[in-house]
N, C-alpha and C. Protein backbone atom coordinates (compact mmCIF):
# COMPACT_ATOMS: atom_id res chain seq x y z
N MET A 1 -32.25 -21.92 10.63
CA MET A 1 -32.05 -20.70 9.88
C MET A 1 -30.54 -20.49 9.70
N SER A 2 -30.14 -20.07 8.52
CA SER A 2 -28.74 -19.83 8.18
C SER A 2 -28.42 -18.33 8.26
N TYR A 3 -27.16 -18.03 8.03
CA TYR A 3 -26.78 -16.62 8.06
C TYR A 3 -25.76 -16.31 6.98
N LEU A 4 -25.66 -15.01 6.68
CA LEU A 4 -24.66 -14.49 5.76
C LEU A 4 -23.83 -13.50 6.57
N LYS A 5 -22.57 -13.84 6.74
CA LYS A 5 -21.66 -12.98 7.51
C LYS A 5 -20.79 -12.20 6.52
N LYS A 6 -20.75 -10.88 6.69
CA LYS A 6 -19.92 -10.02 5.84
C LYS A 6 -18.87 -9.36 6.72
N ILE A 7 -17.61 -9.55 6.32
CA ILE A 7 -16.49 -8.97 7.07
C ILE A 7 -15.65 -8.15 6.11
N GLU A 8 -15.34 -6.93 6.50
CA GLU A 8 -14.54 -6.06 5.63
C GLU A 8 -13.23 -5.69 6.34
N TYR A 9 -12.13 -5.85 5.59
CA TYR A 9 -10.79 -5.53 6.09
C TYR A 9 -10.14 -4.50 5.18
N GLU A 10 -9.10 -3.88 5.70
CA GLU A 10 -8.28 -2.99 4.88
C GLU A 10 -6.82 -3.29 5.17
N ILE A 11 -6.01 -3.28 4.12
CA ILE A 11 -4.57 -3.47 4.29
C ILE A 11 -3.97 -2.11 4.62
N VAL A 12 -3.26 -2.04 5.73
CA VAL A 12 -2.67 -0.79 6.18
C VAL A 12 -1.15 -0.94 6.16
N LEU A 13 -0.49 -0.04 5.47
CA LEU A 13 0.97 -0.02 5.46
C LEU A 13 1.49 0.57 6.76
N LYS A 14 2.47 -0.09 7.36
CA LYS A 14 3.06 0.42 8.59
C LYS A 14 4.22 1.37 8.30
N ASP A 15 4.90 1.17 7.18
CA ASP A 15 6.06 1.98 6.81
C ASP A 15 5.95 2.40 5.35
N SER A 16 6.81 3.31 4.97
CA SER A 16 6.89 3.74 3.57
C SER A 16 7.40 2.60 2.70
N PHE A 17 7.18 2.73 1.40
CA PHE A 17 7.75 1.78 0.45
C PHE A 17 9.26 1.90 0.46
N TRP A 18 9.94 0.79 0.20
CA TRP A 18 11.38 0.77 -0.01
C TRP A 18 11.62 0.74 -1.52
N VAL A 19 12.65 1.42 -1.96
CA VAL A 19 12.99 1.47 -3.38
C VAL A 19 14.25 0.64 -3.62
N ILE A 20 14.23 -0.12 -4.71
CA ILE A 20 15.43 -0.85 -5.14
C ILE A 20 15.99 -0.08 -6.33
N ARG A 21 17.25 0.30 -6.23
CA ARG A 21 17.84 1.10 -7.29
C ARG A 21 19.35 0.91 -7.28
N ASN A 22 19.94 1.11 -8.44
CA ASN A 22 21.39 1.05 -8.54
C ASN A 22 21.97 2.29 -7.84
N CYS A 23 22.83 2.06 -6.88
CA CYS A 23 23.46 3.16 -6.15
C CYS A 23 24.81 3.46 -6.79
N PRO A 24 25.03 4.70 -7.23
CA PRO A 24 26.32 5.03 -7.86
C PRO A 24 27.52 4.91 -6.92
N LYS A 25 27.32 5.16 -5.64
CA LYS A 25 28.44 5.04 -4.68
C LYS A 25 28.76 3.58 -4.36
N CYS A 26 27.71 2.77 -4.16
CA CYS A 26 27.91 1.36 -3.82
C CYS A 26 28.27 0.53 -5.06
N GLY A 27 27.88 1.00 -6.25
CA GLY A 27 28.18 0.29 -7.48
C GLY A 27 27.32 -0.94 -7.71
N ARG A 28 26.18 -1.03 -7.03
CA ARG A 28 25.26 -2.17 -7.19
C ARG A 28 23.86 -1.74 -6.77
N LYS A 29 22.90 -2.64 -6.99
CA LYS A 29 21.53 -2.36 -6.56
C LYS A 29 21.46 -2.46 -5.04
N THR A 30 20.84 -1.45 -4.44
CA THR A 30 20.67 -1.44 -2.99
C THR A 30 19.27 -0.93 -2.66
N TYR A 31 18.96 -0.95 -1.38
CA TYR A 31 17.67 -0.45 -0.90
C TYR A 31 17.80 1.01 -0.52
N PHE A 32 16.81 1.77 -0.90
CA PHE A 32 16.72 3.17 -0.51
C PHE A 32 15.49 3.32 0.38
N LYS A 33 15.65 4.04 1.50
CA LYS A 33 14.53 4.22 2.43
C LYS A 33 14.16 5.69 2.55
N ASN A 34 12.94 5.91 2.96
CA ASN A 34 12.40 7.25 3.13
C ASN A 34 13.10 7.94 4.31
N THR A 35 13.67 9.13 4.06
CA THR A 35 14.30 9.91 5.13
C THR A 35 13.26 10.74 5.88
N LYS A 36 12.05 10.80 5.35
CA LYS A 36 10.95 11.60 5.90
C LYS A 36 11.30 13.08 5.86
N LYS A 37 12.03 13.45 4.80
CA LYS A 37 12.40 14.85 4.59
C LYS A 37 12.13 15.22 3.13
N PHE A 38 11.91 16.51 2.93
CA PHE A 38 11.66 17.04 1.60
C PHE A 38 12.78 17.98 1.20
N ARG A 39 12.94 18.14 -0.08
CA ARG A 39 13.84 19.16 -0.61
C ARG A 39 12.96 20.12 -1.40
N VAL A 40 13.03 21.39 -1.04
CA VAL A 40 12.24 22.42 -1.71
C VAL A 40 13.23 23.37 -2.37
N ASN A 41 13.07 23.58 -3.67
CA ASN A 41 13.98 24.43 -4.42
C ASN A 41 13.16 25.44 -5.22
N ALA A 42 13.46 26.71 -5.05
CA ALA A 42 12.76 27.77 -5.78
C ALA A 42 13.66 28.31 -6.88
N ASN A 43 13.08 28.48 -8.04
CA ASN A 43 13.78 29.07 -9.17
C ASN A 43 12.84 30.11 -9.75
N SER A 44 13.13 31.37 -9.45
CA SER A 44 12.24 32.46 -9.84
C SER A 44 10.90 32.26 -9.13
N ASN A 45 9.81 32.17 -9.86
CA ASN A 45 8.50 31.97 -9.22
C ASN A 45 8.03 30.52 -9.36
N LYS A 46 8.94 29.63 -9.68
CA LYS A 46 8.61 28.21 -9.84
C LYS A 46 9.26 27.40 -8.71
N LEU A 47 8.56 26.32 -8.32
CA LEU A 47 9.06 25.47 -7.24
C LEU A 47 9.26 24.04 -7.71
N ASP A 48 10.27 23.41 -7.15
CA ASP A 48 10.47 21.97 -7.28
C ASP A 48 10.45 21.42 -5.86
N ILE A 49 9.71 20.31 -5.67
CA ILE A 49 9.66 19.68 -4.36
C ILE A 49 9.89 18.19 -4.55
N TRP A 50 10.83 17.64 -3.75
CA TRP A 50 11.16 16.22 -3.83
C TRP A 50 11.03 15.58 -2.45
N LEU A 51 10.71 14.30 -2.45
CA LEU A 51 10.79 13.48 -1.25
C LEU A 51 12.15 12.80 -1.31
N ILE A 52 12.92 12.90 -0.23
CA ILE A 52 14.29 12.39 -0.25
C ILE A 52 14.33 10.96 0.28
N TYR A 53 14.88 10.08 -0.54
CA TYR A 53 15.17 8.70 -0.15
C TYR A 53 16.68 8.56 -0.05
N GLN A 54 17.15 7.57 0.71
CA GLN A 54 18.57 7.45 0.97
C GLN A 54 18.99 5.98 0.94
N CYS A 55 20.15 5.72 0.33
CA CYS A 55 20.71 4.37 0.31
C CYS A 55 20.98 3.95 1.76
N GLU A 56 20.52 2.75 2.10
CA GLU A 56 20.71 2.31 3.49
C GLU A 56 22.17 2.01 3.82
N ASN A 57 23.02 1.83 2.80
CA ASN A 57 24.43 1.53 3.05
C ASN A 57 25.31 2.77 3.12
N CYS A 58 25.25 3.58 2.07
CA CYS A 58 26.20 4.69 1.97
C CYS A 58 25.58 6.07 2.14
N LYS A 59 24.27 6.13 2.28
CA LYS A 59 23.54 7.39 2.50
C LYS A 59 23.45 8.27 1.25
N HIS A 60 23.77 7.72 0.07
CA HIS A 60 23.57 8.45 -1.18
C HIS A 60 22.07 8.74 -1.33
N THR A 61 21.71 9.93 -1.80
CA THR A 61 20.30 10.30 -1.85
C THR A 61 19.68 10.10 -3.22
N LEU A 62 18.37 9.88 -3.18
CA LEU A 62 17.53 9.74 -4.36
C LEU A 62 16.35 10.66 -4.13
N ASN A 63 16.14 11.61 -5.04
CA ASN A 63 15.03 12.55 -4.92
C ASN A 63 13.87 12.10 -5.78
N LEU A 64 12.71 11.88 -5.15
CA LEU A 64 11.49 11.54 -5.88
C LEU A 64 10.68 12.81 -6.06
N SER A 65 10.46 13.17 -7.30
CA SER A 65 9.79 14.43 -7.62
C SER A 65 8.31 14.40 -7.24
N ILE A 66 7.90 15.38 -6.44
CA ILE A 66 6.49 15.55 -6.10
C ILE A 66 5.90 16.65 -6.97
N TYR A 67 6.57 17.80 -7.02
CA TYR A 67 6.18 18.92 -7.88
C TYR A 67 7.40 19.35 -8.68
N GLU A 68 7.17 19.65 -9.96
CA GLU A 68 8.23 20.16 -10.82
C GLU A 68 7.76 21.44 -11.49
N ARG A 69 8.54 22.47 -11.34
CA ARG A 69 8.28 23.75 -11.99
C ARG A 69 6.83 24.23 -11.81
N GLN A 70 6.38 24.18 -10.55
CA GLN A 70 5.02 24.62 -10.22
C GLN A 70 5.06 26.01 -9.62
N LYS A 71 4.04 26.81 -9.92
CA LYS A 71 3.91 28.10 -9.27
C LYS A 71 3.54 27.86 -7.81
N ILE A 72 4.03 28.71 -6.95
CA ILE A 72 3.75 28.56 -5.52
C ILE A 72 2.25 28.60 -5.29
N SER A 73 1.53 29.38 -6.06
CA SER A 73 0.08 29.51 -5.89
C SER A 73 -0.66 28.21 -6.23
N CYS A 74 -0.04 27.30 -6.97
CA CYS A 74 -0.68 26.02 -7.34
C CYS A 74 -0.57 24.97 -6.23
N ILE A 75 0.25 25.24 -5.23
CA ILE A 75 0.44 24.28 -4.13
C ILE A 75 -0.36 24.78 -2.93
N PRO A 76 -1.22 23.93 -2.35
CA PRO A 76 -1.98 24.36 -1.18
C PRO A 76 -1.05 24.88 -0.08
N LYS A 77 -1.46 26.00 0.57
CA LYS A 77 -0.60 26.65 1.57
C LYS A 77 -0.22 25.72 2.71
N GLU A 78 -1.18 24.93 3.19
CA GLU A 78 -0.89 24.02 4.30
C GLU A 78 0.14 22.97 3.88
N ALA A 79 -0.02 22.43 2.68
CA ALA A 79 0.93 21.43 2.16
C ALA A 79 2.32 22.06 2.01
N TYR A 80 2.37 23.27 1.46
CA TYR A 80 3.64 23.96 1.27
C TYR A 80 4.35 24.13 2.62
N GLN A 81 3.60 24.47 3.66
CA GLN A 81 4.17 24.63 4.98
C GLN A 81 4.73 23.30 5.50
N TYR A 82 3.99 22.22 5.26
CA TYR A 82 4.46 20.88 5.66
C TYR A 82 5.76 20.51 4.95
N PHE A 83 5.85 20.86 3.67
CA PHE A 83 7.09 20.59 2.92
C PHE A 83 8.26 21.35 3.54
N LEU A 84 8.04 22.62 3.85
CA LEU A 84 9.11 23.44 4.43
C LEU A 84 9.53 22.95 5.81
N GLU A 85 8.57 22.45 6.59
CA GLU A 85 8.85 21.99 7.96
C GLU A 85 9.38 20.55 8.01
N ASN A 86 9.43 19.86 6.86
CA ASN A 86 9.79 18.44 6.82
C ASN A 86 8.88 17.63 7.75
N ASN A 87 7.59 17.85 7.61
CA ASN A 87 6.60 17.16 8.44
C ASN A 87 6.70 15.66 8.18
N GLU A 88 7.03 14.89 9.23
CA GLU A 88 7.26 13.44 9.08
C GLU A 88 6.02 12.68 8.65
N LEU A 89 4.87 13.04 9.20
CA LEU A 89 3.63 12.34 8.82
C LEU A 89 3.29 12.59 7.36
N PHE A 90 3.54 13.80 6.90
CA PHE A 90 3.30 14.15 5.50
C PHE A 90 4.27 13.38 4.59
N ALA A 91 5.52 13.29 5.02
CA ALA A 91 6.53 12.55 4.25
C ALA A 91 6.19 11.06 4.22
N GLU A 92 5.68 10.54 5.34
CA GLU A 92 5.27 9.14 5.41
C GLU A 92 4.09 8.89 4.45
N MET A 93 3.15 9.84 4.40
CA MET A 93 2.01 9.72 3.49
C MET A 93 2.49 9.64 2.03
N TYR A 94 3.44 10.51 1.66
CA TYR A 94 3.97 10.46 0.30
C TYR A 94 4.77 9.19 0.07
N GLY A 95 5.42 8.67 1.10
CA GLY A 95 6.19 7.43 1.00
C GLY A 95 5.32 6.20 0.79
N LYS A 96 4.00 6.35 0.95
CA LYS A 96 3.04 5.25 0.75
C LYS A 96 2.18 5.47 -0.48
N ASN A 97 2.48 6.51 -1.26
CA ASN A 97 1.69 6.86 -2.44
C ASN A 97 2.28 6.19 -3.68
N ILE A 98 1.64 5.12 -4.12
CA ILE A 98 2.20 4.34 -5.23
C ILE A 98 2.30 5.14 -6.52
N GLN A 99 1.41 6.10 -6.72
CA GLN A 99 1.46 6.93 -7.94
C GLN A 99 2.75 7.75 -8.00
N LEU A 100 3.25 8.18 -6.84
CA LEU A 100 4.50 8.93 -6.79
C LEU A 100 5.65 8.08 -7.31
N PHE A 101 5.67 6.82 -6.93
CA PHE A 101 6.74 5.91 -7.35
C PHE A 101 6.61 5.56 -8.83
N GLN A 102 5.39 5.41 -9.30
CA GLN A 102 5.17 5.12 -10.72
C GLN A 102 5.60 6.32 -11.56
N LYS A 103 5.24 7.51 -11.11
CA LYS A 103 5.60 8.75 -11.83
C LYS A 103 7.13 8.89 -11.92
N ASN A 104 7.84 8.50 -10.86
CA ASN A 104 9.30 8.61 -10.82
C ASN A 104 10.02 7.37 -11.33
N LYS A 105 9.24 6.39 -11.83
CA LYS A 105 9.79 5.13 -12.34
C LYS A 105 10.73 4.47 -11.32
N ALA A 106 10.31 4.49 -10.06
CA ALA A 106 11.08 3.90 -8.98
C ALA A 106 10.54 2.49 -8.71
N ASP A 107 11.44 1.52 -8.62
CA ASP A 107 11.04 0.14 -8.36
C ASP A 107 10.85 -0.08 -6.86
N ILE A 108 9.63 -0.44 -6.50
CA ILE A 108 9.29 -0.70 -5.10
C ILE A 108 9.62 -2.15 -4.79
N ASP A 109 10.19 -2.38 -3.62
CA ASP A 109 10.43 -3.75 -3.18
C ASP A 109 9.20 -4.23 -2.42
N PHE A 110 8.35 -4.98 -3.11
CA PHE A 110 7.10 -5.46 -2.50
C PHE A 110 7.34 -6.60 -1.51
N GLU A 111 8.55 -7.17 -1.51
CA GLU A 111 8.88 -8.23 -0.55
C GLU A 111 9.21 -7.64 0.83
N LYS A 112 9.59 -6.40 0.85
CA LYS A 112 10.04 -5.76 2.10
C LYS A 112 8.94 -4.90 2.73
N LEU A 113 7.69 -5.21 2.40
CA LEU A 113 6.58 -4.43 2.92
C LEU A 113 6.26 -4.81 4.36
N ASN A 114 5.88 -3.83 5.13
CA ASN A 114 5.44 -4.06 6.51
C ASN A 114 4.00 -3.57 6.58
N TYR A 115 3.07 -4.53 6.61
CA TYR A 115 1.65 -4.18 6.57
C TYR A 115 0.87 -5.04 7.56
N SER A 116 -0.37 -4.64 7.77
CA SER A 116 -1.27 -5.44 8.61
C SER A 116 -2.69 -5.32 8.04
N PHE A 117 -3.55 -6.21 8.50
CA PHE A 117 -4.96 -6.18 8.11
C PHE A 117 -5.75 -5.62 9.28
N VAL A 118 -6.58 -4.63 9.00
CA VAL A 118 -7.41 -4.03 10.03
C VAL A 118 -8.87 -4.33 9.69
N LYS A 119 -9.58 -4.91 10.65
CA LYS A 119 -11.00 -5.20 10.43
C LYS A 119 -11.78 -3.90 10.54
N LEU A 120 -12.52 -3.57 9.47
CA LEU A 120 -13.31 -2.34 9.47
C LEU A 120 -14.67 -2.55 10.10
N HIS A 121 -15.36 -3.62 9.68
CA HIS A 121 -16.64 -3.95 10.30
C HIS A 121 -17.08 -5.36 9.91
N GLU A 122 -18.07 -5.83 10.67
CA GLU A 122 -18.60 -7.17 10.46
C GLU A 122 -20.11 -7.11 10.67
N THR A 123 -20.87 -7.70 9.74
CA THR A 123 -22.33 -7.75 9.87
C THR A 123 -22.81 -9.18 9.65
N ILE A 124 -23.95 -9.49 10.25
CA ILE A 124 -24.56 -10.80 10.08
C ILE A 124 -26.01 -10.60 9.66
N GLU A 125 -26.39 -11.26 8.58
CA GLU A 125 -27.77 -11.22 8.09
C GLU A 125 -28.30 -12.65 8.13
N TYR A 126 -29.48 -12.82 8.67
CA TYR A 126 -30.08 -14.15 8.74
C TYR A 126 -30.92 -14.38 7.49
N SER A 127 -30.86 -15.62 6.97
CA SER A 127 -31.58 -15.95 5.74
C SER A 127 -31.92 -17.43 5.72
N ASP A 128 -32.63 -17.83 4.70
CA ASP A 128 -33.00 -19.24 4.52
C ASP A 128 -32.01 -19.97 3.61
N PHE A 129 -30.99 -19.26 3.14
CA PHE A 129 -30.02 -19.83 2.23
C PHE A 129 -28.90 -20.51 2.99
N GLN A 130 -28.02 -21.11 2.24
CA GLN A 130 -26.84 -21.78 2.78
C GLN A 130 -25.96 -20.76 3.52
N GLU A 131 -25.32 -21.19 4.61
CA GLU A 131 -24.44 -20.31 5.36
C GLU A 131 -23.26 -19.88 4.49
N GLN A 132 -22.95 -18.59 4.54
CA GLN A 132 -21.84 -18.04 3.75
C GLN A 132 -21.11 -16.98 4.56
N ILE A 133 -19.85 -16.84 4.23
CA ILE A 133 -19.05 -15.73 4.76
C ILE A 133 -18.47 -14.99 3.56
N ILE A 134 -18.70 -13.70 3.51
CA ILE A 134 -18.12 -12.89 2.44
C ILE A 134 -17.07 -11.98 3.08
N VAL A 135 -15.84 -12.15 2.63
CA VAL A 135 -14.72 -11.36 3.13
C VAL A 135 -14.30 -10.40 2.04
N THR A 136 -14.28 -9.11 2.37
CA THR A 136 -13.83 -8.09 1.44
C THR A 136 -12.56 -7.47 1.99
N ILE A 137 -11.55 -7.37 1.13
CA ILE A 137 -10.28 -6.78 1.55
C ILE A 137 -9.97 -5.59 0.65
N ASN A 138 -9.93 -4.41 1.26
CA ASN A 138 -9.57 -3.20 0.54
C ASN A 138 -8.06 -3.06 0.53
N ASN A 139 -7.51 -2.77 -0.63
CA ASN A 139 -6.07 -2.65 -0.80
C ASN A 139 -5.77 -1.27 -1.39
N PRO A 140 -5.92 -0.20 -0.60
CA PRO A 140 -5.82 1.16 -1.15
C PRO A 140 -4.46 1.51 -1.73
N HIS A 141 -3.41 0.81 -1.30
CA HIS A 141 -2.05 1.09 -1.79
C HIS A 141 -1.68 0.21 -2.99
N GLN A 142 -2.63 -0.61 -3.43
CA GLN A 142 -2.43 -1.51 -4.57
C GLN A 142 -1.18 -2.38 -4.39
N LEU A 143 -1.04 -2.95 -3.20
CA LEU A 143 0.09 -3.82 -2.91
C LEU A 143 -0.04 -5.10 -3.70
N LYS A 144 1.07 -5.62 -4.14
CA LYS A 144 1.08 -6.86 -4.92
C LYS A 144 1.15 -8.05 -3.96
N ILE A 145 -0.01 -8.42 -3.42
CA ILE A 145 -0.11 -9.55 -2.51
C ILE A 145 -1.12 -10.51 -3.13
N ARG A 146 -0.71 -11.76 -3.34
CA ARG A 146 -1.59 -12.74 -3.98
C ARG A 146 -2.88 -12.90 -3.19
N PRO A 147 -4.01 -13.09 -3.88
CA PRO A 147 -5.31 -13.21 -3.20
C PRO A 147 -5.34 -14.31 -2.15
N GLU A 148 -4.77 -15.48 -2.47
CA GLU A 148 -4.81 -16.57 -1.48
C GLU A 148 -4.00 -16.24 -0.24
N LYS A 149 -2.94 -15.45 -0.39
CA LYS A 149 -2.15 -15.04 0.78
C LYS A 149 -2.95 -14.07 1.64
N GLN A 150 -3.67 -13.15 1.00
CA GLN A 150 -4.50 -12.20 1.74
C GLN A 150 -5.56 -12.93 2.57
N ILE A 151 -6.28 -13.84 1.91
CA ILE A 151 -7.35 -14.57 2.59
C ILE A 151 -6.77 -15.45 3.70
N ALA A 152 -5.64 -16.09 3.42
CA ALA A 152 -5.00 -16.94 4.44
C ALA A 152 -4.64 -16.13 5.68
N GLU A 153 -4.09 -14.94 5.49
CA GLU A 153 -3.70 -14.12 6.64
C GLU A 153 -4.92 -13.64 7.42
N VAL A 154 -5.97 -13.23 6.71
CA VAL A 154 -7.17 -12.72 7.36
C VAL A 154 -7.90 -13.82 8.12
N LEU A 155 -8.03 -15.00 7.52
CA LEU A 155 -8.76 -16.11 8.14
C LEU A 155 -7.88 -16.98 9.04
N GLU A 156 -6.60 -16.62 9.12
CA GLU A 156 -5.63 -17.37 9.93
C GLU A 156 -5.58 -18.84 9.51
N LEU A 157 -5.48 -19.04 8.20
CA LEU A 157 -5.33 -20.37 7.62
C LEU A 157 -3.99 -20.43 6.91
N SER A 158 -3.55 -21.63 6.59
CA SER A 158 -2.34 -21.75 5.78
C SER A 158 -2.75 -21.52 4.32
N ARG A 159 -1.78 -21.17 3.51
CA ARG A 159 -2.09 -20.97 2.08
C ARG A 159 -2.51 -22.29 1.44
N ASN A 160 -1.97 -23.41 1.92
CA ASN A 160 -2.39 -24.72 1.40
C ASN A 160 -3.86 -24.98 1.72
N GLN A 161 -4.31 -24.61 2.91
CA GLN A 161 -5.72 -24.78 3.26
C GLN A 161 -6.61 -23.94 2.34
N VAL A 162 -6.19 -22.73 2.07
CA VAL A 162 -6.96 -21.85 1.18
C VAL A 162 -6.98 -22.44 -0.23
N LYS A 163 -5.84 -22.93 -0.70
CA LYS A 163 -5.79 -23.55 -2.04
C LYS A 163 -6.69 -24.78 -2.09
N SER A 164 -6.74 -25.56 -1.02
CA SER A 164 -7.61 -26.73 -0.96
C SER A 164 -9.08 -26.31 -1.02
N LEU A 165 -9.44 -25.27 -0.27
CA LEU A 165 -10.82 -24.76 -0.31
C LEU A 165 -11.18 -24.26 -1.71
N LEU A 166 -10.22 -23.62 -2.37
CA LEU A 166 -10.45 -23.16 -3.75
C LEU A 166 -10.70 -24.35 -4.68
N ALA A 167 -9.87 -25.38 -4.57
CA ALA A 167 -9.99 -26.56 -5.42
C ALA A 167 -11.33 -27.27 -5.20
N LYS A 168 -11.82 -27.29 -3.97
CA LYS A 168 -13.10 -27.94 -3.66
C LYS A 168 -14.30 -27.06 -4.03
N GLY A 169 -14.05 -25.81 -4.40
CA GLY A 169 -15.14 -24.90 -4.73
C GLY A 169 -15.83 -24.32 -3.52
N GLU A 170 -15.20 -24.44 -2.35
CA GLU A 170 -15.80 -23.93 -1.12
C GLU A 170 -15.46 -22.46 -0.87
N ILE A 171 -14.54 -21.95 -1.66
CA ILE A 171 -14.19 -20.54 -1.57
C ILE A 171 -14.04 -20.01 -2.99
N GLU A 172 -14.40 -18.76 -3.17
CA GLU A 172 -14.38 -18.16 -4.51
C GLU A 172 -13.82 -16.74 -4.37
N PHE A 173 -12.91 -16.36 -5.25
CA PHE A 173 -12.34 -15.01 -5.24
C PHE A 173 -12.94 -14.20 -6.37
N LYS A 174 -13.11 -12.91 -6.10
CA LYS A 174 -13.51 -11.97 -7.14
C LYS A 174 -12.67 -10.72 -6.97
N LEU A 175 -11.85 -10.42 -7.95
CA LEU A 175 -11.11 -9.17 -7.93
C LEU A 175 -11.99 -8.14 -8.61
N GLN A 176 -12.53 -7.21 -7.83
CA GLN A 176 -13.46 -6.25 -8.39
C GLN A 176 -12.77 -5.01 -8.94
N LEU A 177 -11.70 -4.64 -8.33
CA LEU A 177 -10.85 -3.53 -8.76
C LEU A 177 -9.43 -3.94 -8.42
N PRO A 178 -8.43 -3.25 -8.93
CA PRO A 178 -7.07 -3.63 -8.54
C PRO A 178 -6.87 -3.56 -7.02
N GLN A 179 -7.65 -2.72 -6.34
CA GLN A 179 -7.46 -2.58 -4.91
C GLN A 179 -8.58 -3.18 -4.07
N LEU A 180 -9.38 -4.11 -4.65
CA LEU A 180 -10.47 -4.72 -3.88
C LEU A 180 -10.59 -6.20 -4.20
N LEU A 181 -10.53 -7.02 -3.16
CA LEU A 181 -10.66 -8.47 -3.29
C LEU A 181 -11.88 -8.91 -2.49
N ARG A 182 -12.72 -9.73 -3.09
CA ARG A 182 -13.86 -10.27 -2.37
C ARG A 182 -13.80 -11.78 -2.45
N ALA A 183 -13.91 -12.43 -1.29
CA ALA A 183 -13.90 -13.89 -1.22
C ALA A 183 -15.21 -14.34 -0.60
N CYS A 184 -15.80 -15.37 -1.18
CA CYS A 184 -17.04 -15.93 -0.68
C CYS A 184 -16.78 -17.36 -0.23
N LEU A 185 -16.98 -17.62 1.06
CA LEU A 185 -16.82 -18.97 1.60
C LEU A 185 -18.21 -19.58 1.70
N LYS A 186 -18.39 -20.75 1.08
CA LYS A 186 -19.72 -21.35 1.01
C LYS A 186 -20.09 -22.12 2.26
N HIS A 187 -19.12 -22.44 3.08
CA HIS A 187 -19.37 -23.13 4.34
C HIS A 187 -18.59 -22.41 5.43
N THR A 188 -19.10 -22.45 6.61
CA THR A 188 -18.38 -21.82 7.71
C THR A 188 -17.15 -22.64 8.06
N LEU A 189 -16.15 -21.98 8.57
CA LEU A 189 -14.91 -22.65 8.94
C LEU A 189 -14.92 -23.04 10.40
């Protein structure tokens, strides 16, 4: 009797995204990192809230807009309190929100990412079919990591081994959404 093993992983960011941007003080492109602080500015009954990034060399700041000209009543009270308190966990959450960077047209350095794979669950179903392993990798932050690199890291194989399995037809990738990769291994490793 054969089996079908299903394993699900998720890519978890350990740190905020790093931004690559031209720094006016340094006069060249440098890395900006999350200070884990917010800037809150009130103008009449409207609020502006930014996440503050800072050049790692000269400490020049870059403000990433979270809210612009919003009424205080439009911002959840708990979130508003976190902004005022410079809540580090809240700032870290915004530092991992890819939509914030896209909205601010900030270039993320995907080479400088610090991430890991966390196994969510594993199930085994017995069947009369050929043995298979289906690996699903959730990528909630839409990180730009090549599929073969993801599978290689999860299965603890070299990328050349994964490429060889692909060429032999023993492994198959399916990108179901930008943030979901499914690989089917036709033989056990």
